[in-house]
Amino acid sequence: MNEIEAAEGRLRAEIESLKRQIAEQQRLLADRPGGAARPSRRMLAGLAALLLALTAGGFLAGYLPRLRRAEALEQESQAGAANLPVVTVVPVERSAASSNLLLPGNIQAFTEAPV
């Protein structure tokens, strides 16, 4: 029983020591100008500017190659349009019936069904 009380006393002393260390750390953080828990406005502005620059860089990295491909495709289509062959077109008109076509033959069913 004495060993249990000794172990409990050591644990309580260690807990109190840890509580004092936490309180000391919190006091040191509170003594710092601006504190460590909050970033400064300058830091936030810098991070926002960095995020904006990265977003703009990513947009341009994706958009500029696409723009170049679209321009190259437009130039190829214009060059291809200049090389198209000339085709003469005549509107369709009904011709005059000049003769009747008579073909030999007959119509007969393959199977007959009573009705």
PDB file of N, CA and C in Angstrom:
ATOM      1  N   MET A   1       0.822  -1.191   0.000  1.00  0.00           N
ATOM      2  CA  MET A   1       0.000   0.000   0.000  1.00  0.00           C
ATOM      3  C   MET A   1       0.865   1.252   0.000  1.00  0.00           C
ATOM      4  N   ASN A   2       1.965   1.130   0.695  1.00  0.00           N
ATOM      5  CA  ASN A   2       2.882   2.254   0.773  1.00  0.00           C
ATOM      6  C   ASN A   2       3.464   2.563  -0.611  1.00  0.00           C
ATOM      7  N   GLU A   3       3.723   1.542  -1.417  1.00  0.00           N
ATOM      8  CA  GLU A   3       4.259   1.733  -2.769  1.00  0.00           C
ATOM      9  C   GLU A   3       3.244   2.442  -3.660  1.00  0.00           C
ATOM     10  N   ILE A   4       1.980   2.087  -3.493  1.00  0.00           N
ATOM     11  CA  ILE A   4       0.923   2.714  -4.290  1.00  0.00           C
ATOM     12  C   ILE A   4       0.818   4.187  -3.946  1.00  0.00           C
ATOM     13  N   GLU A   5       0.873   4.510  -2.651  1.00  0.00           N
ATOM     14  CA  GLU A   5       0.801   5.921  -2.238  1.00  0.00           C
ATOM     15  C   GLU A   5       2.016   6.691  -2.736  1.00  0.00           C
ATOM     16  N   ALA A   6       3.189   6.052  -2.737  1.00  0.00           N
ATOM     17  CA  ALA A   6       4.406   6.708  -3.228  1.00  0.00           C
ATOM     18  C   ALA A   6       4.286   6.975  -4.729  1.00  0.00           C
ATOM     19  N   ALA A   7       3.783   6.003  -5.496  1.00  0.00           N
ATOM     20  CA  ALA A   7       3.610   6.167  -6.943  1.00  0.00           C
ATOM     21  C   ALA A   7       2.578   7.256  -7.222  1.00  0.00           C
ATOM     22  N   GLU A   8       1.507   7.270  -6.418  1.00  0.00           N
ATOM     23  CA  GLU A   8       0.479   8.295  -6.595  1.00  0.00           C
ATOM     24  C   GLU A   8       1.044   9.679  -6.282  1.00  0.00           C
ATOM     25  N   GLY A   9       1.864   9.783  -5.280  1.00  0.00           N
ATOM     26  CA  GLY A   9       2.498  11.059  -4.926  1.00  0.00           C
ATOM     27  C   GLY A   9       3.417  11.544  -6.035  1.00  0.00           C
ATOM     28  N   ARG A  10       4.197  10.617  -6.604  1.00  0.00           N
ATOM     29  CA  ARG A  10       5.081  10.988  -7.719  1.00  0.00           C
ATOM     30  C   ARG A  10       4.267  11.461  -8.920  1.00  0.00           C
ATOM     31  N   LEU A  11       3.176  10.772  -9.233  1.00  0.00           N
ATOM     32  CA  LEU A  11       2.336  11.171 -10.370  1.00  0.00           C
ATOM     33  C   LEU A  11       1.704  12.538 -10.131  1.00  0.00           C
ATOM     34  N   ARG A  12       1.222  12.779  -8.899  1.00  0.00           N
ATOM     35  CA  ARG A  12       0.636  14.084  -8.594  1.00  0.00           C
ATOM     36  C   ARG A  12       1.688  15.185  -8.710  1.00  0.00           C
ATOM     37  N   ALA A  13       2.896  14.909  -8.242  1.00  0.00           N
ATOM     38  CA  ALA A  13       3.973  15.896  -8.340  1.00  0.00           C
ATOM     39  C   ALA A  13       4.320  16.171  -9.803  1.00  0.00           C
ATOM     40  N   GLU A  14       4.335  15.107 -10.613  1.00  0.00           N
ATOM     41  CA  GLU A  14       4.633  15.275 -12.044  1.00  0.00           C
ATOM     42  C   GLU A  14       3.530  16.074 -12.738  1.00  0.00           C
ATOM     43  N   ILE A  15       2.276  15.824 -12.366  1.00  0.00           N
ATOM     44  CA  ILE A  15       1.154  16.571 -12.946  1.00  0.00           C
ATOM     45  C   ILE A  15       1.262  18.044 -12.572  1.00  0.00           C
ATOM     46  N   GLU A  16       1.579  18.329 -11.337  1.00  0.00           N
ATOM     47  CA  GLU A  16       1.732  19.719 -10.907  1.00  0.00           C
ATOM     48  C   GLU A  16       2.891  20.392 -11.641  1.00  0.00           C
ATOM     49  N   SER A  17       3.971  19.654 -11.840  1.00  0.00           N
ATOM     50  CA  SER A  17       5.113  20.187 -12.578  1.00  0.00           C
ATOM     51  C   SER A  17       4.712  20.508 -14.029  1.00  0.00           C
ATOM     52  N   LEU A  18       3.959  19.626 -14.648  1.00  0.00           N
ATOM     53  CA  LEU A  18       3.503  19.860 -16.028  1.00  0.00           C
ATOM     54  C   LEU A  18       2.559  21.056 -16.093  1.00  0.00           C
ATOM     55  N   LYS A  19       1.684  21.199 -15.083  1.00  0.00           N
ATOM     56  CA  LYS A  19       0.780  22.348 -15.055  1.00  0.00           C
ATOM     57  C   LYS A  19       1.565  23.640 -14.939  1.00  0.00           C
ATOM     58  N   ARG A  20       2.631  23.647 -14.123  1.00  0.00           N
ATOM     59  CA  ARG A  20       3.467  24.846 -13.996  1.00  0.00           C
ATOM     60  C   ARG A  20       4.166  25.158 -15.315  1.00  0.00           C
ATOM     61  N   GLN A  21       4.637  24.118 -16.012  1.00  0.00           N
ATOM     62  CA  GLN A  21       5.307  24.335 -17.303  1.00  0.00           C
ATOM     63  C   GLN A  21       4.333  24.907 -18.329  1.00  0.00           C
ATOM     64  N   ILE A  22       3.108  24.413 -18.351  1.00  0.00           N
ATOM     65  CA  ILE A  22       2.088  24.922 -19.287  1.00  0.00           C
ATOM     66  C   ILE A  22       1.779  26.376 -18.973  1.00  0.00           C
ATOM     67  N   ALA A  23       1.627  26.684 -17.685  1.00  0.00           N
ATOM     68  CA  ALA A  23       1.341  28.064 -17.295  1.00  0.00           C
ATOM     69  C   ALA A  23       2.493  28.978 -17.682  1.00  0.00           C
ATOM     70  N   GLU A  24       3.725  28.509 -17.534  1.00  0.00           N
ATOM     71  CA  GLU A  24       4.898  29.310 -17.903  1.00  0.00           C
ATOM     72  C   GLU A  24       4.931  29.562 -19.409  1.00  0.00           C
ATOM     73  N   GLN A  25       4.632  28.530 -20.197  1.00  0.00           N
ATOM     74  CA  GLN A  25       4.603  28.687 -21.652  1.00  0.00           C
ATOM     75  C   GLN A  25       3.512  29.657 -22.079  1.00  0.00           C
ATOM     76  N   GLN A  26       2.350  29.560 -21.462  1.00  0.00           N
ATOM     77  CA  GLN A  26       1.260  30.488 -21.798  1.00  0.00           C
ATOM     78  C   GLN A  26       1.630  31.917 -21.425  1.00  0.00           C
ATOM     79  N   ARG A  27       2.326  32.093 -20.292  1.00  0.00           N
ATOM     80  CA  ARG A  27       2.743  33.432 -19.892  1.00  0.00           C
ATOM     81  C   ARG A  27       3.769  33.988 -20.880  1.00  0.00           C
ATOM     82  N   LEU A  28       4.694  33.127 -21.323  1.00  0.00           N
ATOM     83  CA  LEU A  28       5.692  33.585 -22.296  1.00  0.00           C
ATOM     84  C   LEU A  28       5.027  33.973 -23.623  1.00  0.00           C
ATOM     85  N   LEU A  29       4.041  33.205 -24.038  1.00  0.00           N
ATOM     86  CA  LEU A  29       3.330  33.535 -25.284  1.00  0.00           C
ATOM     87  C   LEU A  29       2.545  34.829 -25.132  1.00  0.00           C
ATOM     88  N   ALA A  30       1.968  35.056 -23.968  1.00  0.00           N
ATOM     89  CA  ALA A  30       1.194  36.276 -23.747  1.00  0.00           C
ATOM     90  C   ALA A  30       2.104  37.491 -23.683  1.00  0.00           C
ATOM     91  N   ASP A  31       3.360  37.320 -23.238  1.00  0.00           N
ATOM     92  CA  ASP A  31       4.302  38.435 -23.145  1.00  0.00           C
ATOM     93  C   ASP A  31       4.852  38.849 -24.497  1.00  0.00           C
ATOM     94  N   ARG A  32       4.800  37.971 -25.479  1.00  0.00           N
ATOM     95  CA  ARG A  32       5.312  38.306 -26.816  1.00  0.00           C
ATOM     96  C   ARG A  32       4.435  39.358 -27.463  1.00  0.00           C
ATOM     97  N   PRO A  33       5.026  40.275 -28.238  1.00  0.00           N
ATOM     98  CA  PRO A  33       4.200  41.249 -28.956  1.00  0.00           C
ATOM     99  C   PRO A  33       3.427  40.555 -30.078  1.00  0.00           C
ATOM    100  N   GLY A  34       2.127  40.720 -30.104  1.00  0.00           N
ATOM    101  CA  GLY A  34       1.285  40.106 -31.130  1.00  0.00           C
ATOM    102  C   GLY A  34       0.914  38.679 -30.797  1.00  0.00           C
ATOM    103  N   GLY A  35       1.600  38.043 -29.900  1.00  0.00           N
ATOM    104  CA  GLY A  35       1.297  36.661 -29.529  1.00  0.00           C
ATOM    105  C   GLY A  35       1.652  35.699 -30.657  1.00  0.00           C
ATOM    106  N   ALA A  36       1.786  34.442 -30.348  1.00  0.00           N
ATOM    107  CA  ALA A  36       2.138  33.457 -31.372  1.00  0.00           C
ATOM    108  C   ALA A  36       0.904  32.825 -31.982  1.00  0.00           C
ATOM    109  N   ALA A  37      -0.248  33.045 -31.350  1.00  0.00           N
ATOM    110  CA  ALA A  37      -1.454  32.389 -31.818  1.00  0.00           C
ATOM    111  C   ALA A  37      -2.031  33.067 -33.053  1.00  0.00           C
ATOM    112  N   ARG A  38      -1.750  34.367 -33.247  1.00  0.00           N
ATOM    113  CA  ARG A  38      -2.326  35.087 -34.380  1.00  0.00           C
ATOM    114  C   ARG A  38      -1.242  35.584 -35.329  1.00  0.00           C
ATOM    115  N   PRO A  39      -1.395  35.323 -36.599  1.00  0.00           N
ATOM    116  CA  PRO A  39      -0.439  35.892 -37.559  1.00  0.00           C
ATOM    117  C   PRO A  39      -0.742  37.375 -37.762  1.00  0.00           C
ATOM    118  N   SER A  40       0.272  38.118 -38.114  1.00  0.00           N
ATOM    119  CA  SER A  40       0.090  39.556 -38.299  1.00  0.00           C
ATOM    120  C   SER A  40      -0.642  39.842 -39.611  1.00  0.00           C
ATOM    121  N   ARG A  41      -1.117  41.061 -39.723  1.00  0.00           N
ATOM    122  CA  ARG A  41      -1.807  41.450 -40.970  1.00  0.00           C
ATOM    123  C   ARG A  41      -0.837  41.431 -42.145  1.00  0.00           C
ATOM    124  N   ARG A  42       0.403  41.784 -41.867  1.00  0.00           N
ATOM    125  CA  ARG A  42       1.406  41.785 -42.924  1.00  0.00           C
ATOM    126  C   ARG A  42       1.639  40.367 -43.440  1.00  0.00           C
ATOM    127  N   MET A  43       1.671  39.423 -42.522  1.00  0.00           N
ATOM    128  CA  MET A  43       1.842  38.017 -42.908  1.00  0.00           C
ATOM    129  C   MET A  43       0.643  37.534 -43.716  1.00  0.00           C
ATOM    130  N   LEU A  44      -0.562  37.886 -43.268  1.00  0.00           N
ATOM    131  CA  LEU A  44      -1.770  37.488 -44.003  1.00  0.00           C
ATOM    132  C   LEU A  44      -1.804  38.116 -45.386  1.00  0.00           C
ATOM    133  N   ALA A  45      -1.405  39.398 -45.478  1.00  0.00           N
ATOM    134  CA  ALA A  45      -1.375  40.065 -46.785  1.00  0.00           C
ATOM    135  C   ALA A  45      -0.352  39.400 -47.699  1.00  0.00           C
ATOM    136  N   GLY A  46       0.788  39.028 -47.139  1.00  0.00           N
ATOM    137  CA  GLY A  46       1.809  38.340 -47.933  1.00  0.00           C
ATOM    138  C   GLY A  46       1.325  36.989 -48.430  1.00  0.00           C
ATOM    139  N   LEU A  47       0.649  36.250 -47.552  1.00  0.00           N
ATOM    140  CA  LEU A  47       0.110  34.950 -47.966  1.00  0.00           C
ATOM    141  C   LEU A  47      -0.971  35.108 -49.025  1.00  0.00           C
ATOM    142  N   ALA A  48      -1.811  36.136 -48.882  1.00  0.00           N
ATOM    143  CA  ALA A  48      -2.849  36.376 -49.887  1.00  0.00           C
ATOM    144  C   ALA A  48      -2.226  36.746 -51.225  1.00  0.00           C
ATOM    145  N   ALA A  49      -1.170  37.583 -51.185  1.00  0.00           N
ATOM    146  CA  ALA A  49      -0.487  37.959 -52.428  1.00  0.00           C
ATOM    147  C   ALA A  49       0.170  36.744 -53.067  1.00  0.00           C
ATOM    148  N   LEU A  50       0.761  35.877 -52.248  1.00  0.00           N
ATOM    149  CA  LEU A  50       1.385  34.661 -52.778  1.00  0.00           C
ATOM    150  C   LEU A  50       0.346  33.743 -53.404  1.00  0.00           C
ATOM    151  N   LEU A  51      -0.786  33.591 -52.733  1.00  0.00           N
ATOM    152  CA  LEU A  51      -1.858  32.756 -53.272  1.00  0.00           C
ATOM    153  C   LEU A  51      -2.392  33.328 -54.590  1.00  0.00           C
ATOM    154  N   LEU A  52      -2.541  34.641 -54.643  1.00  0.00           N
ATOM    155  CA  LEU A  52      -3.005  35.289 -55.871  1.00  0.00           C
ATOM    156  C   LEU A  52      -1.997  35.107 -57.002  1.00  0.00           C
ATOM    157  N   ALA A  53      -0.714  35.257 -56.677  1.00  0.00           N
ATOM    158  CA  ALA A  53       0.330  35.086 -57.696  1.00  0.00           C
ATOM    159  C   ALA A  53       0.362  33.638 -58.204  1.00  0.00           C
ATOM    160  N   LEU A  54       0.227  32.671 -57.301  1.00  0.00           N
ATOM    161  CA  LEU A  54       0.217  31.268 -57.727  1.00  0.00           C
ATOM    162  C   LEU A  54      -1.006  30.949 -58.579  1.00  0.00           C
ATOM    163  N   THR A  55      -2.153  31.521 -58.224  1.00  0.00           N
ATOM    164  CA  THR A  55      -3.366  31.296 -59.016  1.00  0.00           C
ATOM    165  C   THR A  55      -3.216  31.896 -60.407  1.00  0.00           C
ATOM    166  N   ALA A  56      -2.696  33.120 -60.462  1.00  0.00           N
ATOM    167  CA  ALA A  56      -2.494  33.770 -61.768  1.00  0.00           C
ATOM    168  C   ALA A  56      -1.473  33.007 -62.598  1.00  0.00           C
ATOM    169  N   GLY A  57      -0.402  32.542 -61.963  1.00  0.00           N
ATOM    170  CA  GLY A  57       0.612  31.765 -62.687  1.00  0.00           C
ATOM    171  C   GLY A  57       0.041  30.460 -63.214  1.00  0.00           C
ATOM    172  N   GLY A  58      -0.760  29.788 -62.410  1.00  0.00           N
ATOM    173  CA  GLY A  58      -1.388  28.543 -62.867  1.00  0.00           C
ATOM    174  C   GLY A  58      -2.354  28.777 -64.018  1.00  0.00           C
ATOM    175  N   PHE A  59      -3.105  29.879 -63.942  1.00  0.00           N
ATOM    176  CA  PHE A  59      -4.036  30.207 -65.024  1.00  0.00           C
ATOM    177  C   PHE A  59      -3.275  30.466 -66.317  1.00  0.00           C
ATOM    178  N   LEU A  60      -2.223  31.277 -66.220  1.00  0.00           N
ATOM    179  CA  LEU A  60      -1.452  31.591 -67.429  1.00  0.00           C
ATOM    180  C   LEU A  60      -0.736  30.356 -67.960  1.00  0.00           C
ATOM    181  N   ALA A  61      -0.260  29.493 -67.074  1.00  0.00           N
ATOM    182  CA  ALA A  61       0.427  28.275 -67.525  1.00  0.00           C
ATOM    183  C   ALA A  61      -0.527  27.360 -68.284  1.00  0.00           C
ATOM    184  N   GLY A  62      -1.805  27.403 -67.982  1.00  0.00           N
ATOM    185  CA  GLY A  62      -2.768  26.573 -68.701  1.00  0.00           C
ATOM    186  C   GLY A  62      -3.383  27.278 -69.892  1.00  0.00           C
ATOM    187  N   TYR A  63      -3.546  28.610 -69.797  1.00  0.00           N
ATOM    188  CA  TYR A  63      -4.253  29.350 -70.833  1.00  0.00           C
ATOM    189  C   TYR A  63      -3.371  29.667 -72.041  1.00  0.00           C
ATOM    190  N   LEU A  64      -2.116  30.041 -71.799  1.00  0.00           N
ATOM    191  CA  LEU A  64      -1.257  30.439 -72.918  1.00  0.00           C
ATOM    192  C   LEU A  64      -1.011  29.308 -73.919  1.00  0.00           C
ATOM    193  N   PRO A  65      -0.708  28.077 -73.502  1.00  0.00           N
ATOM    194  CA  PRO A  65      -0.566  27.008 -74.508  1.00  0.00           C
ATOM    195  C   PRO A  65      -1.870  26.750 -75.274  1.00  0.00           C
ATOM    196  N   ARG A  66      -2.992  26.864 -74.587  1.00  0.00           N
ATOM    197  CA  ARG A  66      -4.269  26.663 -75.272  1.00  0.00           C
ATOM    198  C   ARG A  66      -4.502  27.759 -76.302  1.00  0.00           C
ATOM    199  N   LEU A  67      -4.154  28.987 -75.962  1.00  0.00           N
ATOM    200  CA  LEU A  67      -4.305  30.107 -76.893  1.00  0.00           C
ATOM    201  C   LEU A  67      -3.413  29.906 -78.112  1.00  0.00           C
ATOM    202  N   ARG A  68      -2.187  29.446 -77.888  1.00  0.00           N
ATOM    203  CA  ARG A  68      -1.272  29.205 -79.019  1.00  0.00           C
ATOM    204  C   ARG A  68      -1.793  28.098 -79.934  1.00  0.00           C
ATOM    205  N   ARG A  69      -2.336  27.023 -79.332  1.00  0.00           N
ATOM    206  CA  ARG A  69      -2.895  25.946 -80.149  1.00  0.00           C
ATOM    207  C   ARG A  69      -4.091  26.431 -80.959  1.00  0.00           C
ATOM    208  N   ALA A  70      -4.934  27.271 -80.366  1.00  0.00           N
ATOM    209  CA  ALA A  70      -6.101  27.794 -81.081  1.00  0.00           C
ATOM    210  C   ALA A  70      -5.657  28.680 -82.248  1.00  0.00           C
ATOM    211  N   GLU A  71      -4.631  29.505 -82.038  1.00  0.00           N
ATOM    212  CA  GLU A  71      -4.126  30.350 -83.127  1.00  0.00           C
ATOM    213  C   GLU A  71      -3.533  29.503 -84.247  1.00  0.00           C
ATOM    214  N   ALA A  72      -2.785  28.453 -83.901  1.00  0.00           N
ATOM    215  CA  ALA A  72      -2.198  27.578 -84.922  1.00  0.00           C
ATOM    216  C   ALA A  72      -3.297  26.863 -85.699  1.00  0.00           C
ATOM    217  N   LEU A  73      -4.329  26.425 -85.023  1.00  0.00           N
ATOM    218  CA  LEU A  73      -5.447  25.759 -85.689  1.00  0.00           C
ATOM    219  C   LEU A  73      -6.166  26.723 -86.624  1.00  0.00           C
ATOM    220  N   GLU A  74      -6.344  27.959 -86.204  1.00  0.00           N
ATOM    221  CA  GLU A  74      -6.990  28.970 -87.051  1.00  0.00           C
ATOM    222  C   GLU A  74      -6.159  29.233 -88.306  1.00  0.00           C
ATOM    223  N   GLN A  75      -4.840  29.324 -88.146  1.00  0.00           N
ATOM    224  CA  GLN A  75      -3.975  29.546 -89.314  1.00  0.00           C
ATOM    225  C   GLN A  75      -4.034  28.353 -90.271  1.00  0.00           C
ATOM    226  N   GLU A  76      -4.052  27.140 -89.723  1.00  0.00           N
ATOM    227  CA  GLU A  76      -4.137  25.954 -90.580  1.00  0.00           C
ATOM    228  C   GLU A  76      -5.467  25.906 -91.318  1.00  0.00           C
ATOM    229  N   SER A  77      -6.547  26.282 -90.664  1.00  0.00           N
ATOM    230  CA  SER A  77      -7.845  26.234 -91.334  1.00  0.00           C
ATOM    231  C   SER A  77      -7.936  27.307 -92.412  1.00  0.00           C
ATOM    232  N   GLN A  78      -7.336  28.466 -92.179  1.00  0.00           N
ATOM    233  CA  GLN A  78      -7.334  29.501 -93.213  1.00  0.00           C
ATOM    234  C   GLN A  78      -6.478  29.075 -94.401  1.00  0.00           C
ATOM    235  N   ALA A  79      -5.353  28.440 -94.135  1.00  0.00           N
ATOM    236  CA  ALA A  79      -4.501  27.955 -95.225  1.00  0.00           C
ATOM    237  C   ALA A  79      -5.209  26.841 -95.993  1.00  0.00           C
ATOM    238  N   GLY A  80      -5.927  25.981 -95.281  1.00  0.00           N
ATOM    239  CA  GLY A  80      -6.656  24.895 -95.948  1.00  0.00           C
ATOM    240  C   GLY A  80      -7.819  25.425 -96.766  1.00  0.00           C
ATOM    241  N   ALA A  81      -8.458  26.508 -96.318  1.00  0.00           N
ATOM    242  CA  ALA A  81      -9.584  27.077 -97.062  1.00  0.00           C
ATOM    243  C   ALA A  81      -9.115  27.684 -98.377  1.00  0.00           C
ATOM    244  N   ALA A  82      -7.908  28.195 -98.416  1.00  0.00           N
ATOM    245  CA  ALA A  82      -7.380  28.777 -99.653  1.00  0.00           C
ATOM    246  C   ALA A  82      -7.068  27.699-100.682  1.00  0.00           C
ATOM    247  N   ASN A  83      -6.823  26.474-100.269  1.00  0.00           N
ATOM    248  CA  ASN A  83      -6.446  25.391-101.180  1.00  0.00           C
ATOM    249  C   ASN A  83      -7.630  24.518-101.598  1.00  0.00           C
ATOM    250  N   LEU A  84      -8.841  24.906-101.289  1.00  0.00           N
ATOM    251  CA  LEU A  84      -9.994  24.101-101.666  1.00  0.00           C
ATOM    252  C   LEU A  84     -10.218  24.156-103.177  1.00  0.00           C
ATOM    253  N   PRO A  85     -10.634  23.042-103.786  1.00  0.00           N
ATOM    254  CA  PRO A  85     -10.889  23.054-105.232  1.00  0.00           C
ATOM    255  C   PRO A  85     -12.175  23.832-105.546  1.00  0.00           C
ATOM    256  N   VAL A  86     -12.227  24.379-106.755  1.00  0.00           N
ATOM    257  CA  VAL A  86     -13.405  25.111-107.202  1.00  0.00           C
ATOM    258  C   VAL A  86     -14.404  24.102-107.774  1.00  0.00           C
ATOM    259  N   VAL A  87     -15.643  24.176-107.329  1.00  0.00           N
ATOM    260  CA  VAL A  87     -16.674  23.237-107.753  1.00  0.00           C
ATOM    261  C   VAL A  87     -17.805  24.043-108.385  1.00  0.00           C
ATOM    262  N   THR A  88     -18.216  23.636-109.595  1.00  0.00           N
ATOM    263  CA  THR A  88     -19.327  24.285-110.267  1.00  0.00           C
ATOM    264  C   THR A  88     -20.612  23.580-109.859  1.00  0.00           C
ATOM    265  N   VAL A  89     -21.622  24.344-109.504  1.00  0.00           N
ATOM    266  CA  VAL A  89     -22.873  23.790-109.021  1.00  0.00           C
ATOM    267  C   VAL A  89     -23.993  24.210-109.955  1.00  0.00           C
ATOM    268  N   VAL A  90     -24.866  23.256-110.290  1.00  0.00           N
ATOM    269  CA  VAL A  90     -26.029  23.534-111.130  1.00  0.00           C
ATOM    270  C   VAL A  90     -27.257  23.157-110.323  1.00  0.00           C
ATOM    271  N   PRO A  91     -28.272  24.026-110.257  1.00  0.00           N
ATOM    272  CA  PRO A  91     -29.471  23.692-109.500  1.00  0.00           C
ATOM    273  C   PRO A  91     -30.228  22.535-110.162  1.00  0.00           C
ATOM    274  N   VAL A  92     -30.896  21.752-109.366  1.00  0.00           N
ATOM    275  CA  VAL A  92     -31.635  20.598-109.845  1.00  0.00           C
ATOM    276  C   VAL A  92     -32.954  21.063-110.447  1.00  0.00           C
ATOM    277  N   GLU A  93     -33.285  20.514-111.643  1.00  0.00           N
ATOM    278  CA  GLU A  93     -34.552  20.845-112.320  1.00  0.00           C
ATOM    279  C   GLU A  93     -35.170  19.548-112.809  1.00  0.00           C
ATOM    280  N   ARG A  94     -36.481  19.531-112.853  1.00  0.00           N
ATOM    281  CA  ARG A  94     -37.184  18.353-113.347  1.00  0.00           C
ATOM    282  C   ARG A  94     -37.077  18.344-114.874  1.00  0.00           C
ATOM    283  N   SER A  95     -36.707  17.184-115.431  1.00  0.00           N
ATOM    284  CA  SER A  95     -36.613  17.067-116.890  1.00  0.00           C
ATOM    285  C   SER A  95     -37.977  16.667-117.457  1.00  0.00           C
ATOM    286  N   ALA A  96     -38.152  16.925-118.702  1.00  0.00           N
ATOM    287  CA  ALA A  96     -39.410  16.584-119.366  1.00  0.00           C
ATOM    288  C   ALA A  96     -39.459  15.075-119.592  1.00  0.00           C
ATOM    289  N   ALA A  97     -40.645  14.482-119.356  1.00  0.00           N
ATOM    290  CA  ALA A  97     -40.817  13.048-119.577  1.00  0.00           C
ATOM    291  C   ALA A  97     -40.851  12.813-121.079  1.00  0.00           C
ATOM    292  N   SER A  98     -39.835  12.199-121.621  1.00  0.00           N
ATOM    293  CA  SER A  98     -39.764  12.014-123.064  1.00  0.00           C
ATOM    294  C   SER A  98     -40.286  10.646-123.489  1.00  0.00           C
ATOM    295  N   SER A  99     -40.189   9.643-122.661  1.00  0.00           N
ATOM    296  CA  SER A  99     -40.675   8.319-123.057  1.00  0.00           C
ATOM    297  C   SER A  99     -41.043   7.525-121.814  1.00  0.00           C
ATOM    298  N   ASN A 100     -41.830   6.513-122.045  1.00  0.00           N
ATOM    299  CA  ASN A 100     -42.214   5.583-120.980  1.00  0.00           C
ATOM    300  C   ASN A 100     -41.311   4.375-121.067  1.00  0.00           C
ATOM    301  N   LEU A 101     -40.962   3.831-119.956  1.00  0.00           N
ATOM    302  CA  LEU A 101     -40.104   2.661-119.917  1.00  0.00           C
ATOM    303  C   LEU A 101     -40.966   1.461-119.563  1.00  0.00           C
ATOM    304  N   LEU A 102     -41.027   0.495-120.464  1.00  0.00           N
ATOM    305  CA  LEU A 102     -41.811  -0.713-120.248  1.00  0.00           C
ATOM    306  C   LEU A 102     -40.856  -1.879-120.039  1.00  0.00           C
ATOM    307  N   LEU A 103     -41.053  -2.566-118.910  1.00  0.00           N
ATOM    308  CA  LEU A 103     -40.217  -3.718-118.600  1.00  0.00           C
ATOM    309  C   LEU A 103     -41.090  -4.955-118.500  1.00  0.00           C
ATOM    310  N   PRO A 104     -40.593  -6.101-118.964  1.00  0.00           N
ATOM    311  CA  PRO A 104     -41.380  -7.326-118.866  1.00  0.00           C
ATOM    312  C   PRO A 104     -41.344  -7.860-117.432  1.00  0.00           C
ATOM    313  N   GLY A 105     -42.426  -8.486-117.002  1.00  0.00           N
ATOM    314  CA  GLY A 105     -42.450  -9.080-115.673  1.00  0.00           C
ATOM    315  C   GLY A 105     -43.868  -9.299-115.204  1.00  0.00           C
ATOM    316  N   ASN A 106     -44.028 -10.019-114.096  1.00  0.00           N
ATOM    317  CA  ASN A 106     -45.343 -10.222-113.503  1.00  0.00           C
ATOM    318  C   ASN A 106     -45.182 -10.245-111.982  1.00  0.00           C
ATOM    319  N   ILE A 107     -46.296 -10.106-111.282  1.00  0.00           N
ATOM    320  CA  ILE A 107     -46.297 -10.090-109.825  1.00  0.00           C
ATOM    321  C   ILE A 107     -47.100 -11.297-109.364  1.00  0.00           C
ATOM    322  N   GLN A 108     -46.493 -12.089-108.472  1.00  0.00           N
ATOM    323  CA  GLN A 108     -47.154 -13.276-107.972  1.00  0.00           C
ATOM    324  C   GLN A 108     -46.645 -13.518-106.547  1.00  0.00           C
ATOM    325  N   ALA A 109     -47.560 -13.923-105.648  1.00  0.00           N
ATOM    326  CA  ALA A 109     -47.198 -14.152-104.253  1.00  0.00           C
ATOM    327  C   ALA A 109     -46.432 -15.477-104.141  1.00  0.00           C
ATOM    328  N   PHE A 110     -45.526 -15.566-103.155  1.00  0.00           N
ATOM    329  CA  PHE A 110     -44.809 -16.804-102.925  1.00  0.00           C
ATOM    330  C   PHE A 110     -45.708 -17.822-102.206  1.00  0.00           C
ATOM    331  N   THR A 111     -46.477 -17.322-101.269  1.00  0.00           N
ATOM    332  CA  THR A 111     -47.386 -18.212-100.566  1.00  0.00           C
ATOM    333  C   THR A 111     -48.773 -17.584-100.571  1.00  0.00           C
ATOM    334  N   GLU A 112     -49.770 -18.469-100.554  1.00  0.00           N
ATOM    335  CA  GLU A 112     -51.138 -17.992-100.520  1.00  0.00           C
ATOM    336  C   GLU A 112     -51.765 -18.447 -99.214  1.00  0.00           C
ATOM    337  N   ALA A 113     -52.523 -17.557 -98.597  1.00  0.00           N
ATOM    338  CA  ALA A 113     -53.181 -17.882 -97.332  1.00  0.00           C
ATOM    339  C   ALA A 113     -54.665 -17.679 -97.497  1.00  0.00           C
ATOM    340  N   PRO A 114     -55.464 -18.649 -97.034  1.00  0.00           N
ATOM    341  CA  PRO A 114     -56.925 -18.450 -97.130  1.00  0.00           C
ATOM    342  C   PRO A 114     -57.364 -17.390 -96.105  1.00  0.00           C
ATOM    343  N   VAL A 115     -58.240 -16.573 -96.528  1.00  0.00           N
ATOM    344  CA  VAL A 115     -58.758 -15.499 -95.655  1.00  0.00           C
ATOM    345  C   VAL A 115     -60.196 -15.762 -95.318  1.00  0.00           C
TER     346      VAL A 115
END
